[in-house]
Amino acid sequence: MARNYVQPGETLPLIAPRALASGDGFLVGGIFAIALTAAAAGAPVEGRRVGVFDGPKATGAWTPGQKLYWDNTAFNLTTTATNNVLVGAAVQAQASADTVGRALLTGQIAP
């Protein structure tokens, strides 16, 4: 292994941008993650960047594999790309009225 290797990067120590409950999605700069514990705004929190999670869902139906974006104003997952950050893809179909959706977070860095 390279001597400059630090860690895998799937989970990172970050600073909570707002009060977070365990399981809340959040954005720190270009990094989207799911809080693994509760944290006060400005406090350290471990954030998981990749994996399959159930998260808050905006109105609108999802199809498996459909790109999902994080709405950092409404704090939910959406299929709307405009003004939102690509975070992954839908794992399963979701009805428009569903308030929770299953998403594969792919760990890409937001532009």
Protein backbone atom coordinates (compact mmCIF):
# COMPACT_ATOMS: atom_id res chain seq x y z
CA MET A 1 0.00 0.00 0.00
CA ALA A 2 1.19 3.50 -0.76
CA ARG A 3 2.80 5.27 2.18
CA ASN A 4 0.58 8.31 1.66
CA TYR A 5 -2.69 6.30 1.92
CA VAL A 6 -4.88 7.67 4.74
CA GLN A 7 -8.28 5.91 4.70
CA PRO A 8 -10.91 4.44 2.34
CA GLY A 9 -13.09 7.60 2.39
CA GLU A 10 -16.56 6.02 2.52
CA THR A 11 -17.01 7.58 5.96
CA LEU A 12 -15.51 10.96 6.81
CA PRO A 13 -15.33 13.21 9.86
CA LEU A 14 -17.14 16.42 8.88
CA ILE A 15 -18.62 19.48 10.56
CA ALA A 16 -22.43 19.55 10.77
CA PRO A 17 -23.79 22.49 8.73
CA ARG A 18 -27.00 22.46 10.81
CA ALA A 19 -28.44 20.41 13.66
CA LEU A 20 -28.57 16.81 12.41
CA ALA A 21 -30.31 13.66 13.59
CA SER A 22 -28.78 10.28 12.89
CA GLY A 23 -29.74 9.41 9.31
CA ASP A 24 -30.09 12.99 8.08
CA GLY A 25 -28.52 13.89 4.74
CA PHE A 26 -26.27 16.92 4.62
CA LEU A 27 -23.93 18.79 2.32
CA VAL A 28 -20.53 20.17 3.31
CA GLY A 29 -19.03 21.99 0.35
CA GLY A 30 -18.98 19.39 -2.41
CA ILE A 31 -19.41 16.39 -0.08
CA PHE A 32 -22.85 14.85 0.48
CA ALA A 33 -23.17 12.40 3.38
CA ILE A 34 -25.58 10.76 5.79
CA ALA A 35 -25.05 11.57 9.47
CA LEU A 36 -24.21 8.43 11.45
CA THR A 37 -25.02 10.15 14.76
CA ALA A 38 -26.87 13.25 15.88
CA ALA A 39 -24.84 16.46 15.94
CA ALA A 40 -25.41 20.12 16.76
CA ALA A 41 -24.70 22.74 14.10
CA GLY A 42 -20.93 23.29 13.95
CA ALA A 43 -20.13 20.05 15.79
CA PRO A 44 -18.09 17.16 14.39
CA VAL A 45 -20.14 14.33 12.83
CA GLU A 46 -19.24 11.14 11.00
CA GLY A 47 -20.80 11.16 7.53
CA ARG A 48 -21.24 8.12 5.29
CA ARG A 49 -20.81 9.02 1.60
CA VAL A 50 -21.68 5.72 -0.10
CA GLY A 51 -24.20 2.92 0.34
CA VAL A 52 -27.94 2.35 0.16
CA PHE A 53 -30.06 4.52 2.43
CA ASP A 54 -33.71 5.38 2.94
CA GLY A 55 -34.09 9.14 2.87
CA PRO A 56 -36.66 11.93 2.72
CA LYS A 57 -38.18 12.13 -0.74
CA ALA A 58 -39.70 15.03 -2.67
CA THR A 59 -43.00 14.55 -4.48
CA GLY A 60 -42.62 12.71 -7.76
CA ALA A 61 -42.35 9.09 -8.87
CA TRP A 62 -38.98 7.33 -9.10
CA THR A 63 -37.91 4.48 -11.35
CA PRO A 64 -35.00 2.15 -10.53
CA GLY A 65 -31.71 3.64 -11.67
CA GLN A 66 -33.09 7.17 -12.01
CA LYS A 67 -30.60 9.87 -10.99
CA LEU A 68 -31.28 11.47 -7.62
CA TYR A 69 -30.27 14.90 -6.41
CA TRP A 70 -30.06 16.52 -2.99
CA ASP A 71 -32.20 19.62 -2.47
CA ASN A 72 -30.22 21.50 0.15
CA THR A 73 -33.12 23.88 0.83
CA ALA A 74 -35.90 21.31 1.38
CA PHE A 75 -33.36 18.73 2.68
CA ASN A 76 -34.69 15.87 0.58
CA LEU A 77 -33.93 13.67 -2.41
CA THR A 78 -35.44 14.67 -5.72
CA THR A 79 -35.26 13.86 -9.42
CA THR A 80 -34.98 17.58 -10.21
CA ALA A 81 -31.45 18.46 -11.31
CA THR A 82 -31.85 22.26 -11.45
CA ASN A 83 -30.21 23.95 -8.43
CA ASN A 84 -29.59 20.56 -6.77
CA VAL A 85 -26.59 18.25 -6.30
CA LEU A 86 -26.31 14.79 -7.90
CA VAL A 87 -25.86 12.24 -5.09
CA GLY A 88 -26.83 8.86 -6.54
CA ALA A 89 -29.65 6.82 -8.04
CA ALA A 90 -32.98 5.28 -7.06
CA VAL A 91 -32.72 1.65 -6.01
CA GLN A 92 -36.41 0.87 -6.38
CA ALA A 93 -39.58 2.38 -7.79
CA GLN A 94 -41.27 4.92 -5.53
CA ALA A 95 -44.76 6.38 -5.88
CA SER A 96 -45.16 10.13 -6.17
CA ALA A 97 -46.83 10.34 -2.76
CA ASP A 98 -44.06 8.38 -0.96
CA THR A 99 -42.24 10.55 1.55
CA VAL A 100 -39.27 8.17 1.90
CA GLY A 101 -37.23 6.72 -0.94
CA ARG A 102 -34.41 4.17 -1.20
CA ALA A 103 -31.27 5.59 -2.78
CA LEU A 104 -27.81 4.38 -3.71
CA LEU A 105 -25.37 7.10 -2.73
CA THR A 106 -22.40 7.00 -5.06
CA GLY A 107 -20.02 9.37 -3.28
CA GLN A 108 -19.34 11.76 -6.17
CA ILE A 109 -18.17 15.26 -5.35
CA ALA A 110 -20.59 18.08 -6.15
CA PRO A 111 -19.39 20.73 -8.61
